[in-house]
Protein backbone atom coordinates (compact mmCIF):
# COMPACT_ATOMS: atom_id res chain seq x y z
CA MET A 1 -114.71 122.22 8.85
CA ALA A 2 -114.35 120.63 12.45
CA GLU A 3 -115.46 122.72 15.45
CA VAL A 4 -113.11 123.51 18.30
CA ASP A 5 -113.75 124.39 22.12
CA ALA A 6 -113.21 127.22 23.65
CA PRO A 7 -109.71 127.69 25.41
CA GLN A 8 -109.57 127.71 29.14
CA ASP A 9 -108.44 131.55 29.28
CA PRO A 10 -109.72 134.34 27.26
CA GLN A 11 -106.44 135.44 26.49
CA LEU A 12 -106.00 132.65 24.41
CA VAL A 13 -108.63 133.09 21.80
CA ASP A 14 -107.03 135.88 19.59
CA ASN A 15 -103.26 134.86 21.18
CA ALA A 16 -101.59 134.45 17.22
CA LEU A 17 -99.50 130.60 18.64
CA TYR A 18 -102.87 129.31 19.82
CA ARG A 19 -104.59 129.92 16.85
CA GLU A 20 -101.51 128.95 14.80
CA ARG A 21 -101.56 125.23 16.43
CA MET A 22 -105.15 125.78 15.98
CA ARG A 23 -105.12 124.88 12.68
CA ARG A 24 -104.74 121.24 13.47
CA ALA A 25 -108.08 121.00 14.51
CA LEU A 26 -109.60 123.18 12.39
CA ALA A 27 -108.20 120.56 9.65
CA GLY A 28 -110.05 117.42 11.57
CA LYS A 29 -105.81 115.61 12.62
CA ALA A 30 -105.45 114.64 15.62
CA PRO A 31 -102.58 115.19 17.66
CA PRO A 32 -99.68 113.57 15.43
CA ARG A 33 -98.82 109.81 16.09
CA SER A 34 -95.54 111.15 16.55
CA SER A 35 -95.87 112.76 19.88
CA PRO A 36 -97.08 110.39 23.19
CA LEU A 37 -101.09 112.63 23.44
CA GLY A 38 -101.14 111.33 19.77
CA ALA A 39 -99.96 107.77 19.98
CA VAL A 40 -102.02 107.16 22.97
CA ALA A 41 -105.43 108.47 21.42
CA ARG A 42 -104.15 106.36 18.90
CA SER A 43 -103.57 103.39 20.76
CA ARG A 44 -106.91 103.66 22.36
CA VAL A 45 -108.89 104.37 18.53
CA SER A 46 -106.65 102.43 16.22
CA ASP A 47 -109.46 101.88 12.92
CA THR A 48 -109.52 105.64 12.00
CA ASP A 49 -107.68 108.70 11.72
CA ASP A 50 -110.80 111.20 12.26
CA ARG A 51 -109.91 113.49 14.83
CA ASP A 52 -114.12 113.77 15.58
CA GLU A 53 -114.20 110.28 16.11
CA ILE A 54 -111.99 109.84 18.19
CA VAL A 55 -112.71 112.55 19.97
CA ALA A 56 -115.97 110.98 20.64
CA ARG A 57 -114.68 107.79 21.16
CA ILE A 58 -112.57 108.10 23.90
CA LYS A 59 -114.46 110.68 25.70
CA ALA A 60 -117.89 108.76 25.48
CA GLU A 61 -115.82 105.81 26.89
CA ASP A 62 -114.59 108.27 29.82
CA GLU A 63 -117.50 109.24 30.81
CA ALA A 64 -117.93 106.09 32.16
CA LEU A 65 -115.95 106.45 35.53
CA VAL A 66 -116.91 107.62 38.39
CA ALA A 67 -115.32 108.89 41.35
CA GLY A 68 -114.83 106.67 44.32
CA SER A 69 -112.08 105.22 47.05
CA PHE A 70 -111.37 101.79 47.81
CA GLY A 71 -108.42 99.48 48.91
CA THR A 72 -105.80 100.14 51.65
CA VAL A 73 -103.84 103.21 52.16
CA TYR A 74 -100.74 102.91 54.28
CA TYR A 75 -99.89 106.04 56.09
CA ARG A 76 -97.71 107.48 58.80
CA PRO A 77 -99.75 109.05 61.52
CA VAL A 78 -97.64 112.17 62.74
CA THR A 79 -99.01 115.08 64.96
CA VAL A 80 -97.09 118.72 64.67
CA SER A 81 -98.27 121.87 66.27
CA GLY A 82 -101.85 120.54 67.55
CA ILE A 83 -102.62 118.89 63.48
CA ASP A 84 -102.90 115.76 63.06
CA LEU A 85 -101.68 114.48 59.67
CA LYS A 86 -101.69 111.23 57.42
CA LEU A 87 -98.08 111.09 55.30
CA GLU A 88 -99.02 108.70 52.80
CA PRO A 89 -95.81 107.52 50.78
CA LEU A 90 -95.63 107.10 47.14
CA LEU A 91 -92.56 105.08 46.56
CA PRO A 92 -90.07 103.55 49.56
CA SER A 93 -87.84 106.14 48.40
CA ILE A 94 -89.52 109.58 47.05
CA GLY A 95 -92.57 111.44 47.32
CA THR A 96 -95.01 111.99 50.37
CA VAL A 97 -98.58 112.76 50.35
CA ILE A 98 -99.34 114.81 53.24
CA HIS A 99 -103.28 114.89 54.08
CA GLY A 100 -105.01 116.79 57.08
CA ILE A 101 -103.55 120.22 56.52
CA ASP A 102 -104.71 123.64 55.01
CA LEU A 103 -102.22 125.25 53.17
CA ALA A 104 -103.98 128.50 53.16
CA THR A 105 -104.24 128.48 57.46
CA ASP A 106 -102.01 126.23 58.76
CA LEU A 107 -98.86 127.51 58.26
CA GLU A 108 -98.49 130.41 60.49
CA ASP A 109 -96.77 127.88 62.61
CA PRO A 110 -93.06 127.88 61.97
CA GLU A 111 -93.22 124.61 63.36
CA VAL A 112 -95.31 123.58 61.47
CA VAL A 113 -92.67 124.88 57.76
CA ARG A 114 -90.59 123.37 59.67
CA PHE A 115 -91.72 119.88 59.72
CA LEU A 116 -93.32 120.51 56.27
CA ARG A 117 -89.62 121.32 54.71
CA GLU A 118 -87.58 118.97 56.77
CA LEU A 119 -90.03 116.13 55.17
CA TRP A 120 -89.16 117.82 51.79
CA LEU A 121 -85.73 117.34 51.73
CA ASP A 122 -85.72 113.87 52.95
CA ARG A 123 -89.29 112.59 51.12
CA ARG A 124 -87.98 115.08 47.36
CA VAL A 125 -91.51 115.54 47.04
CA VAL A 126 -94.58 116.22 48.72
CA VAL A 127 -98.11 116.33 47.92
CA PHE A 128 -101.29 118.47 49.35
CA ARG A 129 -104.49 117.49 48.58
CA GLY A 130 -108.21 119.87 48.60
CA GLN A 131 -105.87 122.92 48.18
CA MET A 132 -108.62 124.50 45.46
CA HIS A 133 -109.69 127.29 47.50
CA LEU A 134 -106.18 128.81 47.75
CA THR A 135 -105.85 131.68 46.06
CA ARG A 136 -102.84 132.14 43.28
CA GLU A 137 -101.80 135.35 46.09
CA GLN A 138 -102.00 132.08 48.66
CA MET A 139 -99.84 130.21 46.32
CA VAL A 140 -97.39 132.85 46.80
CA GLU A 141 -97.72 133.06 49.96
CA PHE A 142 -97.05 129.42 50.38
CA ALA A 143 -94.36 129.47 48.40
CA GLU A 144 -92.65 132.72 50.28
CA ARG A 145 -92.62 130.43 53.52
CA PHE A 146 -89.76 128.02 51.73
CA GLY A 147 -87.69 130.85 50.16
CA GLU A 148 -87.37 133.28 47.13
CA VAL A 149 -90.34 133.26 44.90
CA GLY A 150 -88.57 133.05 40.95
CA ALA A 151 -89.38 134.94 37.70
CA PRO A 152 -91.68 131.93 35.49
CA PHE A 153 -88.26 129.99 35.04
CA GLY A 154 -86.71 131.04 38.19
CA GLU A 155 -83.40 133.78 38.11
CA ARG A 156 -84.31 137.00 36.13
CA GLU A 157 -81.16 136.94 34.47
CA HIS A 158 -82.26 135.03 31.84
CA MET A 159 -86.22 135.53 30.90
CA PRO A 160 -87.83 133.43 28.21
CA ASN A 161 -90.28 135.89 26.43
CA SER A 162 -89.94 133.02 23.83
CA PRO A 163 -93.57 133.27 21.56
CA PHE A 164 -93.34 129.75 20.61
CA ASP A 165 -94.26 128.60 23.89
CA LEU A 166 -97.92 127.59 24.65
CA ASN A 167 -97.48 128.58 28.61
CA GLN A 168 -95.88 131.70 28.04
CA GLN A 169 -98.86 133.10 26.57
CA ILE A 170 -101.41 133.79 29.42
CA LYS A 171 -100.30 136.44 31.78
CA VAL A 172 -101.44 136.71 35.34
CA PRO A 173 -102.71 139.90 36.48
CA ASP A 174 -100.78 140.98 40.11
CA ILE A 175 -98.59 137.99 39.72
CA PRO A 176 -95.87 137.95 36.75
CA ASP A 177 -94.22 135.38 38.44
CA MET A 178 -96.57 132.62 37.55
CA LEU A 179 -96.46 129.93 34.76
CA VAL A 180 -99.89 129.07 33.35
CA LEU A 181 -99.28 125.63 31.42
CA PRO A 182 -103.12 125.42 29.71
CA SER A 183 -103.75 122.36 27.53
CA ASP A 184 -107.29 121.39 26.15
CA GLU A 185 -108.91 119.51 22.94
CA THR A 186 -107.67 122.00 20.57
CA VAL A 187 -104.23 122.50 21.72
CA PRO A 188 -102.95 119.81 23.58
CA ASN A 189 -99.72 120.51 25.15
CA ALA A 190 -97.87 118.25 27.43
CA ALA A 191 -94.17 118.86 28.92
CA SER A 192 -93.71 114.96 28.13
CA GLY A 193 -90.15 114.52 28.30
CA TRP A 194 -87.95 114.04 31.82
CA HIS A 195 -86.08 117.06 32.41
CA ALA A 196 -85.33 119.51 36.15
CA ASP A 197 -86.44 123.12 35.57
CA ALA A 198 -84.50 125.68 33.64
CA THR A 199 -81.35 123.83 33.94
CA TRP A 200 -79.83 125.77 31.28
CA GLN A 201 -79.85 128.35 33.98
CA PRO A 202 -76.28 129.32 35.77
CA LYS A 203 -78.27 129.17 39.34
CA PRO A 204 -81.80 126.44 38.53
CA PRO A 205 -84.40 127.13 40.54
CA MET A 206 -84.69 125.30 44.26
CA ALA A 207 -88.05 123.88 43.86
CA SER A 208 -91.22 124.19 41.77
CA ILE A 209 -94.58 123.78 43.14
CA LEU A 210 -97.58 122.81 40.49
CA MET A 211 -101.44 123.56 41.66
CA CYS A 212 -103.97 121.50 39.60
CA ARG A 213 -107.13 123.28 38.66
CA GLU A 214 -108.17 121.48 36.19
CA ALA A 215 -107.70 117.68 36.13
CA PRO A 216 -108.44 114.88 33.08
CA PRO A 217 -110.71 112.15 34.59
CA VAL A 218 -107.68 109.97 33.81
CA GLY A 219 -104.77 110.42 32.50
CA GLY A 220 -102.75 113.69 33.16
CA ASP A 221 -100.27 112.57 36.09
CA THR A 222 -96.73 113.72 36.43
CA CYS A 223 -94.22 111.67 37.56
CA PHE A 224 -90.88 111.74 39.82
CA CYS A 225 -87.91 110.53 39.49
CA ASP A 226 -85.07 110.10 42.04
CA CYS A 227 -81.43 111.34 40.86
CA ILE A 228 -80.06 110.20 44.14
CA GLY A 229 -81.64 107.09 43.01
CA MET A 230 -80.25 107.84 39.46
CA TRP A 231 -76.80 107.61 40.74
CA GLU A 232 -76.43 105.62 43.41
CA SER A 233 -77.70 102.95 40.61
CA LEU A 234 -74.49 103.74 38.38
CA SER A 235 -71.70 101.14 38.24
CA ARG A 236 -68.71 102.47 40.89
CA GLU A 237 -66.42 102.13 37.05
CA THR A 238 -69.03 104.75 35.25
CA LYS A 239 -68.71 107.10 39.12
CA GLU A 240 -65.30 107.83 38.63
CA LYS A 241 -65.41 108.43 34.72
CA VAL A 242 -67.99 110.97 35.38
CA ARG A 243 -67.79 112.48 39.01
CA PHE A 244 -65.80 115.27 37.95
CA LEU A 245 -67.00 116.21 34.89
CA LYS A 246 -69.50 118.93 33.51
CA ALA A 247 -71.92 118.88 31.21
CA VAL A 248 -73.43 121.77 28.67
CA HIS A 249 -77.01 122.51 29.77
CA ALA A 250 -78.85 124.23 26.85
CA GLY A 251 -82.62 125.94 26.46
CA THR A 252 -84.91 125.21 23.63
CA VAL A 253 -86.30 127.94 20.89
CA GLY A 254 -89.36 128.13 23.74
CA HIS A 255 -87.04 129.34 26.30
CA GLN A 256 -85.26 132.31 23.71
CA MET A 257 -84.99 135.62 25.96
CA ASN A 258 -85.12 138.19 22.38
CA GLY A 259 -84.31 135.03 20.47
CA ILE A 260 -81.01 134.35 22.57
CA THR A 261 -81.11 130.68 23.40
CA PRO A 262 -79.72 129.63 27.17
CA VAL A 263 -76.65 127.58 27.81
CA ALA A 264 -75.19 127.15 31.56
CA ILE A 265 -72.65 124.15 32.27
CA HIS A 266 -72.71 122.15 35.83
CA PRO A 267 -71.21 119.35 37.12
CA VAL A 268 -72.52 115.72 36.82
CA ALA A 269 -72.23 114.46 39.96
CA ARG A 270 -73.77 117.37 42.27
CA THR A 271 -74.22 117.42 46.14
CA HIS A 272 -77.16 119.02 47.61
CA PRO A 273 -76.13 121.54 49.26
CA GLU A 274 -78.72 121.02 52.34
CA THR A 275 -78.52 117.06 53.04
CA GLY A 276 -74.94 116.42 51.46
CA ARG A 277 -76.08 113.63 49.26
CA THR A 278 -75.10 113.01 45.57
CA SER A 279 -77.05 113.09 42.92
CA LEU A 280 -76.80 112.25 38.82
CA TYR A 281 -77.48 116.17 37.84
CA VAL A 282 -77.81 114.94 34.00
CA GLN A 283 -81.34 114.93 32.20
CA GLN A 284 -81.23 114.08 28.41
CA GLY A 285 -83.66 117.00 27.95
CA PHE A 286 -81.39 120.43 28.55
CA VAL A 287 -77.94 117.51 28.20
CA LYS A 288 -76.75 116.78 24.92
CA ARG A 289 -72.97 117.29 25.83
CA PHE A 290 -70.37 117.50 28.06
CA ALA A 291 -68.27 120.32 28.35
CA PRO A 292 -65.42 120.71 26.03
CA GLU A 293 -62.28 120.82 27.82
CA HIS A 294 -62.91 117.45 28.91
CA GLY A 295 -61.55 116.50 25.44
CA ILE A 296 -64.06 113.02 25.66
CA ASP A 297 -64.03 110.97 22.58
CA PRO A 298 -67.48 111.38 20.71
CA GLU A 299 -68.44 107.82 21.07
CA GLU A 300 -67.43 107.07 24.70
CA GLU A 301 -69.74 110.37 25.51
CA ARG A 302 -72.34 109.21 23.71
CA ALA A 303 -71.94 105.76 25.34
CA LEU A 304 -71.71 107.21 28.96
CA LEU A 305 -74.55 109.62 27.96
CA HIS A 306 -76.97 107.05 26.94
CA GLU A 307 -75.88 105.48 30.00
CA MET A 308 -77.20 108.12 32.34
CA LYS A 309 -80.44 108.18 29.96
CA LEU A 310 -81.50 104.42 30.90
CA LYS A 311 -81.89 105.50 34.86
CA GLU A 312 -84.25 108.05 34.00
CA GLY A 313 -88.15 106.74 35.00
CA ARG A 314 -86.79 103.23 35.91
CA PRO A 315 -90.11 102.20 37.96
CA GLU A 316 -87.54 101.65 41.04
CA TYR A 317 -87.43 105.09 41.95
CA THR A 318 -90.11 107.11 39.81
CA CYS A 319 -93.22 107.65 41.75
CA ARG A 320 -96.03 109.57 39.86
CA VAL A 321 -98.41 112.06 41.27
CA ARG A 322 -102.38 111.43 40.22
CA TRP A 323 -103.82 114.52 40.20
CA GLU A 324 -107.07 116.04 41.28
CA PRO A 325 -108.33 119.76 41.12
CA GLY A 326 -107.00 121.25 43.91
CA SER A 327 -103.82 119.24 44.31
CA LEU A 328 -100.76 121.02 44.87
CA ALA A 329 -96.87 119.29 44.50
CA MET A 330 -93.98 120.67 45.62
CA TRP A 331 -90.21 118.90 44.46
CA ASP A 332 -86.79 119.46 45.02
CA ASN A 333 -85.55 120.77 41.75
CA ARG A 334 -81.73 119.88 43.05
CA VAL A 335 -82.64 116.34 42.63
CA VAL A 336 -85.78 115.35 41.25
CA LEU A 337 -86.40 114.83 37.27
CA HIS A 338 -90.31 115.32 36.42
CA SER A 339 -92.77 114.91 33.21
CA ALA A 340 -95.69 115.36 32.44
CA SER A 341 -97.69 112.09 31.49
CA GLY A 342 -98.61 112.72 27.61
CA ASP A 343 -102.08 110.36 27.73
CA PHE A 344 -104.83 112.37 28.44
CA TRP A 345 -106.33 114.12 24.94
CA PRO A 346 -108.44 115.17 24.50
CA HIS A 347 -109.16 116.02 28.11
CA ARG A 348 -108.29 119.73 29.61
CA ARG A 349 -105.81 120.19 32.12
CA LEU A 350 -105.21 123.53 33.96
CA MET A 351 -101.72 123.96 35.93
CA GLU A 352 -100.62 126.82 37.75
CA ARG A 353 -96.96 126.61 38.57
CA LEU A 354 -94.36 128.75 40.54
CA THR A 355 -90.66 128.51 41.42
CA ILE A 356 -88.85 129.34 44.19
CA LEU A 357 -85.24 130.30 44.92
CA ASP A 358 -83.01 129.20 47.47
CA ALA A 359 -83.28 131.95 50.58
CA GLU A 360 -79.73 131.37 50.51
CA GLN A 361 -77.25 133.19 47.60
CA THR A 362 -74.68 130.78 48.28
CA ARG A 363 -76.36 127.72 47.37
CA ARG A 364 -77.69 128.33 44.32
CA ALA A 365 -75.35 127.33 42.14
CA PRO A 366 -74.64 123.73 41.38
CA TYR A 367 -71.51 122.43 42.77
CA TYR A 368 -69.83 118.81 43.25
CA ARG A 369 -67.88 118.10 46.64
CA PRO A 370 -67.29 114.28 47.05
CA HIS A 371 -66.79 114.78 51.04
CA ASP A 372 -70.17 115.79 51.03
CA GLY A 373 -71.91 112.59 51.35
CA ALA A 374 -69.98 111.14 47.36
CA SER A 375 -71.22 107.73 46.93
CA SER A 376 -69.22 105.06 45.82
């Protein structure tokens, strides 16, 4: 019988789901080849199926890595309320790393918060480095500067309590709204499919923040895809076909509440309530069909959904965040898809997430208004 490492949180030691998923490791089996974590591990070590040997060889190879920095980084220097910041774009259209700020002390000034919000709206994803000192309570305070902290999956009408979701097994004392995402050598875990958080809610969360507490030495990045770019890249003909359609967003077994799977219907083209920009609000993780009321021919429906799926993760409008302990990202859940890179097993990865609801109740439900910045 193979040996297994201790889990990242003591709550997992006797957790039924964790122990059930542990059985594969105890049987000496690596993650299945059908999963990204298993596929990447086999691409690195392809001549054996022995779990212990795969682990040992990958760890031996990665132990040779050393921390360092080199090369040229382009950034825009700005000064906000006496704080000198360096804004490093990750991609031309999406993502900015903000260097030079302390989220525990520098957000007392409303002007700094205003600047960060405007930058976030423009760039969709903002990243902060060197925030490991930020406590969980201070993470909540950070989130509250931009909106209302939601339940782990946003609105409180449907609060998943599924026993099949590993991310719901760790409870944070006094912060029930925090979702902890563990992954270790024994029970690997990664949401490695394109999605926007909780679109199966009638009012999905405005934003999400993710803090890295433990990072693998290589891999485990999170990728972010700009849904405005996805919409802009559709042909004029396709835009006209889908502009006024709605799609059905259904959760998974992991999103069930008391055994009930959540379902919501949202517009395919979504108007951003603050910028007026139009985005493609369809992602294949939760969307499998259009609303029945449209009566679309099944063959045409498949073709349209396939065309939209091909837009997910296009490199031209997808940025990649390399995690370090203390890195924190905040993204606009209304116009951004994200996906964890399932390539880091057998290394450990530990993340903490909060969702943020729009303080303006009238802006929470997705809608489409052609006059609000629609693009042909």
